[in-house]
Amino acid sequence: MNNTRFLFTAFAFLVAIPAMAKDPVISSNTSGITDDKLINSVAAASIGSGVKEPLKISGNANQLSISGSNKTVCTVPLANGKMKGISCK
């Protein structure tokens, strides 16, 4: 049930990204992913799921981990350079 709610929240924020005026504050990105659009989408979805800025992004081309200034951490599986969901604790 929680995964479904988080997935819905993530995609709602992905739709809302064009309306957002500011870019997410990312303090570090050690994932090696250079696609700014993907990173900003993942960051916005994580913020919408409770991670507080500034964000730290780590992982690889298959899965990202996003943490911030609070204890909430999101895991985002990727496939073919696209988000396949989000799970936050």
N, C-alpha and C. Protein backbone atom coordinates (compact mmCIF):
# COMPACT_ATOMS: atom_id res chain seq x y z
N MET A 1 0.82 -1.19 0.00
CA MET A 1 0.00 0.00 0.00
C MET A 1 0.87 1.25 0.00
N ASN A 2 1.89 1.29 0.87
CA ASN A 2 2.75 2.47 0.93
C ASN A 2 3.49 2.70 -0.37
N ASN A 3 3.97 1.62 -1.02
CA ASN A 3 4.67 1.78 -2.29
C ASN A 3 3.78 2.38 -3.35
N THR A 4 2.51 2.00 -3.36
CA THR A 4 1.58 2.55 -4.33
C THR A 4 1.39 4.04 -4.08
N ARG A 5 1.26 4.43 -2.84
CA ARG A 5 1.08 5.84 -2.50
C ARG A 5 2.32 6.64 -2.89
N PHE A 6 3.49 6.10 -2.61
CA PHE A 6 4.72 6.81 -2.96
C PHE A 6 4.89 6.90 -4.47
N LEU A 7 4.53 5.83 -5.17
CA LEU A 7 4.62 5.84 -6.63
C LEU A 7 3.69 6.90 -7.21
N PHE A 8 2.47 6.97 -6.70
CA PHE A 8 1.52 7.98 -7.16
C PHE A 8 2.06 9.38 -6.88
N THR A 9 2.60 9.60 -5.69
CA THR A 9 3.17 10.90 -5.34
C THR A 9 4.32 11.27 -6.26
N ALA A 10 5.17 10.31 -6.54
CA ALA A 10 6.32 10.57 -7.40
C ALA A 10 5.88 11.01 -8.79
N PHE A 11 4.94 10.30 -9.37
CA PHE A 11 4.50 10.65 -10.71
C PHE A 11 3.71 11.95 -10.72
N ALA A 12 3.00 12.25 -9.64
CA ALA A 12 2.30 13.54 -9.55
C ALA A 12 3.31 14.67 -9.56
N PHE A 13 4.42 14.49 -8.87
CA PHE A 13 5.44 15.53 -8.88
C PHE A 13 6.16 15.62 -10.21
N LEU A 14 6.32 14.49 -10.89
CA LEU A 14 6.93 14.53 -12.22
C LEU A 14 6.09 15.35 -13.18
N VAL A 15 4.78 15.25 -13.06
CA VAL A 15 3.89 16.04 -13.91
C VAL A 15 3.97 17.52 -13.52
N ALA A 16 4.18 17.79 -12.24
CA ALA A 16 4.21 19.17 -11.76
C ALA A 16 5.55 19.86 -11.94
N ILE A 17 6.59 19.14 -12.31
CA ILE A 17 7.93 19.73 -12.42
C ILE A 17 7.97 20.95 -13.32
N PRO A 18 7.34 20.92 -14.50
CA PRO A 18 7.41 22.13 -15.34
C PRO A 18 6.86 23.37 -14.66
N ALA A 19 5.93 23.20 -13.73
CA ALA A 19 5.35 24.34 -13.03
C ALA A 19 6.22 24.83 -11.89
N MET A 20 7.19 24.04 -11.48
CA MET A 20 8.05 24.44 -10.37
C MET A 20 9.10 25.44 -10.87
N ALA A 21 9.29 26.52 -10.11
CA ALA A 21 10.20 27.57 -10.55
C ALA A 21 11.66 27.29 -10.16
N LYS A 22 11.88 26.59 -9.08
CA LYS A 22 13.26 26.42 -8.62
C LYS A 22 13.73 24.98 -8.81
N ASP A 23 15.02 24.86 -9.05
CA ASP A 23 15.64 23.54 -9.14
C ASP A 23 15.87 23.01 -7.74
N PRO A 24 15.82 21.70 -7.57
CA PRO A 24 16.13 21.12 -6.27
C PRO A 24 17.57 21.41 -5.88
N VAL A 25 17.80 21.58 -4.60
CA VAL A 25 19.15 21.83 -4.09
C VAL A 25 19.82 20.49 -3.87
N ILE A 26 20.85 20.21 -4.68
CA ILE A 26 21.58 18.94 -4.61
C ILE A 26 23.01 19.25 -4.16
N SER A 27 23.37 18.74 -2.98
CA SER A 27 24.71 19.01 -2.46
C SER A 27 25.75 18.09 -3.07
N SER A 28 25.35 16.85 -3.43
CA SER A 28 26.29 15.94 -4.08
C SER A 28 25.54 14.91 -4.92
N ASN A 29 26.20 14.52 -6.02
CA ASN A 29 25.68 13.48 -6.89
C ASN A 29 26.86 12.59 -7.28
N THR A 30 26.98 11.47 -6.61
CA THR A 30 28.09 10.55 -6.88
C THR A 30 27.64 9.35 -7.71
N SER A 31 26.47 9.46 -8.32
CA SER A 31 25.90 8.34 -9.08
C SER A 31 26.56 8.13 -10.43
N GLY A 32 27.19 9.15 -10.97
CA GLY A 32 27.77 9.05 -12.30
C GLY A 32 26.76 9.36 -13.40
N ILE A 33 25.50 9.59 -13.05
CA ILE A 33 24.47 9.93 -14.04
C ILE A 33 24.56 11.42 -14.33
N THR A 34 24.69 11.75 -15.61
CA THR A 34 24.86 13.15 -16.01
C THR A 34 23.61 13.74 -16.68
N ASP A 35 22.55 12.96 -16.78
CA ASP A 35 21.29 13.43 -17.37
C ASP A 35 20.59 14.34 -16.35
N ASP A 36 20.73 15.66 -16.54
CA ASP A 36 20.18 16.63 -15.59
C ASP A 36 18.67 16.50 -15.44
N LYS A 37 17.97 16.21 -16.52
CA LYS A 37 16.52 16.08 -16.46
C LYS A 37 16.13 14.92 -15.56
N LEU A 38 16.80 13.78 -15.72
CA LEU A 38 16.53 12.62 -14.88
C LEU A 38 16.85 12.90 -13.42
N ILE A 39 18.01 13.49 -13.17
CA ILE A 39 18.42 13.79 -11.79
C ILE A 39 17.45 14.76 -11.14
N ASN A 40 17.03 15.80 -11.85
CA ASN A 40 16.07 16.75 -11.29
C ASN A 40 14.71 16.11 -11.06
N SER A 41 14.30 15.18 -11.92
CA SER A 41 13.03 14.47 -11.73
C SER A 41 13.08 13.59 -10.49
N VAL A 42 14.17 12.86 -10.34
CA VAL A 42 14.35 12.00 -9.17
C VAL A 42 14.40 12.86 -7.90
N ALA A 43 15.10 13.97 -7.97
CA ALA A 43 15.21 14.87 -6.81
C ALA A 43 13.84 15.43 -6.44
N ALA A 44 13.08 15.89 -7.42
CA ALA A 44 11.76 16.47 -7.15
C ALA A 44 10.81 15.41 -6.57
N ALA A 45 10.86 14.20 -7.10
CA ALA A 45 10.02 13.13 -6.57
C ALA A 45 10.40 12.79 -5.13
N SER A 46 11.69 12.82 -4.83
CA SER A 46 12.16 12.53 -3.48
C SER A 46 11.73 13.62 -2.51
N ILE A 47 11.83 14.86 -2.94
CA ILE A 47 11.38 15.98 -2.10
C ILE A 47 9.89 15.83 -1.82
N GLY A 48 9.13 15.49 -2.85
CA GLY A 48 7.70 15.29 -2.68
C GLY A 48 7.35 14.13 -1.76
N SER A 49 8.27 13.21 -1.61
CA SER A 49 8.07 12.04 -0.75
C SER A 49 8.67 12.24 0.64
N GLY A 50 9.18 13.43 0.93
CA GLY A 50 9.61 13.73 2.29
C GLY A 50 11.08 13.97 2.54
N VAL A 51 11.94 13.80 1.54
CA VAL A 51 13.36 14.07 1.74
C VAL A 51 13.57 15.58 1.75
N LYS A 52 14.30 16.07 2.72
CA LYS A 52 14.55 17.51 2.86
C LYS A 52 15.86 17.91 2.21
N GLU A 53 15.85 19.05 1.52
CA GLU A 53 17.06 19.58 0.88
C GLU A 53 18.06 20.04 1.93
N PRO A 54 19.33 20.07 1.59
CA PRO A 54 19.99 19.69 0.35
C PRO A 54 20.06 18.18 0.21
N LEU A 55 20.02 17.71 -1.03
CA LEU A 55 19.97 16.28 -1.33
C LEU A 55 21.35 15.71 -1.63
N LYS A 56 21.51 14.44 -1.30
CA LYS A 56 22.71 13.67 -1.66
C LYS A 56 22.23 12.49 -2.50
N ILE A 57 22.74 12.39 -3.71
CA ILE A 57 22.32 11.33 -4.63
C ILE A 57 23.50 10.39 -4.86
N SER A 58 23.24 9.09 -4.68
CA SER A 58 24.27 8.09 -4.92
C SER A 58 23.62 6.90 -5.62
N GLY A 59 24.44 5.99 -6.09
CA GLY A 59 23.93 4.80 -6.75
C GLY A 59 24.59 4.60 -8.09
N ASN A 60 23.82 4.03 -9.03
CA ASN A 60 24.34 3.72 -10.36
C ASN A 60 23.21 3.78 -11.37
N ALA A 61 23.44 3.28 -12.57
CA ALA A 61 22.44 3.36 -13.64
C ALA A 61 21.23 2.47 -13.39
N ASN A 62 21.28 1.60 -12.39
CA ASN A 62 20.16 0.70 -12.09
C ASN A 62 19.32 1.14 -10.91
N GLN A 63 19.93 1.87 -9.96
CA GLN A 63 19.21 2.27 -8.76
C GLN A 63 19.89 3.47 -8.10
N LEU A 64 19.08 4.44 -7.71
CA LEU A 64 19.59 5.61 -7.01
C LEU A 64 19.09 5.63 -5.58
N SER A 65 19.88 6.22 -4.72
CA SER A 65 19.51 6.44 -3.33
C SER A 65 19.60 7.94 -3.08
N ILE A 66 18.53 8.52 -2.53
CA ILE A 66 18.47 9.95 -2.30
C ILE A 66 18.22 10.19 -0.82
N SER A 67 19.12 10.93 -0.20
CA SER A 67 18.96 11.30 1.20
C SER A 67 19.09 12.81 1.31
N GLY A 68 18.78 13.32 2.49
CA GLY A 68 18.84 14.76 2.67
C GLY A 68 19.15 15.11 4.11
N SER A 69 18.63 16.25 4.54
CA SER A 69 18.94 16.76 5.86
C SER A 69 18.06 16.14 6.95
N ASN A 70 17.14 15.25 6.58
CA ASN A 70 16.38 14.52 7.58
C ASN A 70 16.66 13.02 7.41
N LYS A 71 15.91 12.18 8.10
CA LYS A 71 16.20 10.75 8.07
C LYS A 71 15.51 10.01 6.93
N THR A 72 14.69 10.68 6.14
CA THR A 72 14.00 10.03 5.03
C THR A 72 14.99 9.73 3.91
N VAL A 73 14.94 8.51 3.40
CA VAL A 73 15.80 8.08 2.29
C VAL A 73 14.90 7.42 1.24
N CYS A 74 15.08 7.81 0.00
CA CYS A 74 14.32 7.23 -1.10
C CYS A 74 15.23 6.38 -1.98
N THR A 75 14.69 5.27 -2.45
CA THR A 75 15.36 4.41 -3.40
C THR A 75 14.55 4.45 -4.69
N VAL A 76 15.25 4.71 -5.79
CA VAL A 76 14.60 4.85 -7.09
C VAL A 76 15.21 3.85 -8.07
N PRO A 77 14.46 2.80 -8.44
CA PRO A 77 14.97 1.89 -9.48
C PRO A 77 14.88 2.56 -10.85
N LEU A 78 15.88 2.31 -11.69
CA LEU A 78 15.93 2.89 -13.03
C LEU A 78 16.00 1.78 -14.06
N ALA A 79 15.46 2.06 -15.23
CA ALA A 79 15.59 1.15 -16.37
C ALA A 79 15.59 1.99 -17.64
N ASN A 80 16.60 1.78 -18.45
CA ASN A 80 16.72 2.55 -19.70
C ASN A 80 16.70 4.06 -19.46
N GLY A 81 17.32 4.50 -18.37
CA GLY A 81 17.41 5.93 -18.07
C GLY A 81 16.12 6.56 -17.61
N LYS A 82 15.18 5.77 -17.12
CA LYS A 82 13.89 6.30 -16.65
C LYS A 82 13.56 5.74 -15.27
N MET A 83 12.84 6.55 -14.48
CA MET A 83 12.37 6.11 -13.18
C MET A 83 11.35 4.99 -13.35
N LYS A 84 11.47 3.97 -12.52
CA LYS A 84 10.50 2.87 -12.53
C LYS A 84 9.73 2.78 -11.23
N GLY A 85 9.82 3.81 -10.42
CA GLY A 85 9.12 3.83 -9.14
C GLY A 85 9.95 4.55 -8.11
N ILE A 86 9.44 4.57 -6.90
CA ILE A 86 10.17 5.20 -5.79
C ILE A 86 9.67 4.57 -4.50
N SER A 87 10.60 4.34 -3.58
CA SER A 87 10.27 3.79 -2.28
C SER A 87 11.03 4.61 -1.24
N CYS A 88 10.30 5.16 -0.28
CA CYS A 88 10.94 6.02 0.72
C CYS A 88 10.63 5.52 2.13
N LYS A 89 11.64 5.65 2.99
CA LYS A 89 11.49 5.26 4.40
C LYS A 89 12.03 6.37 5.27
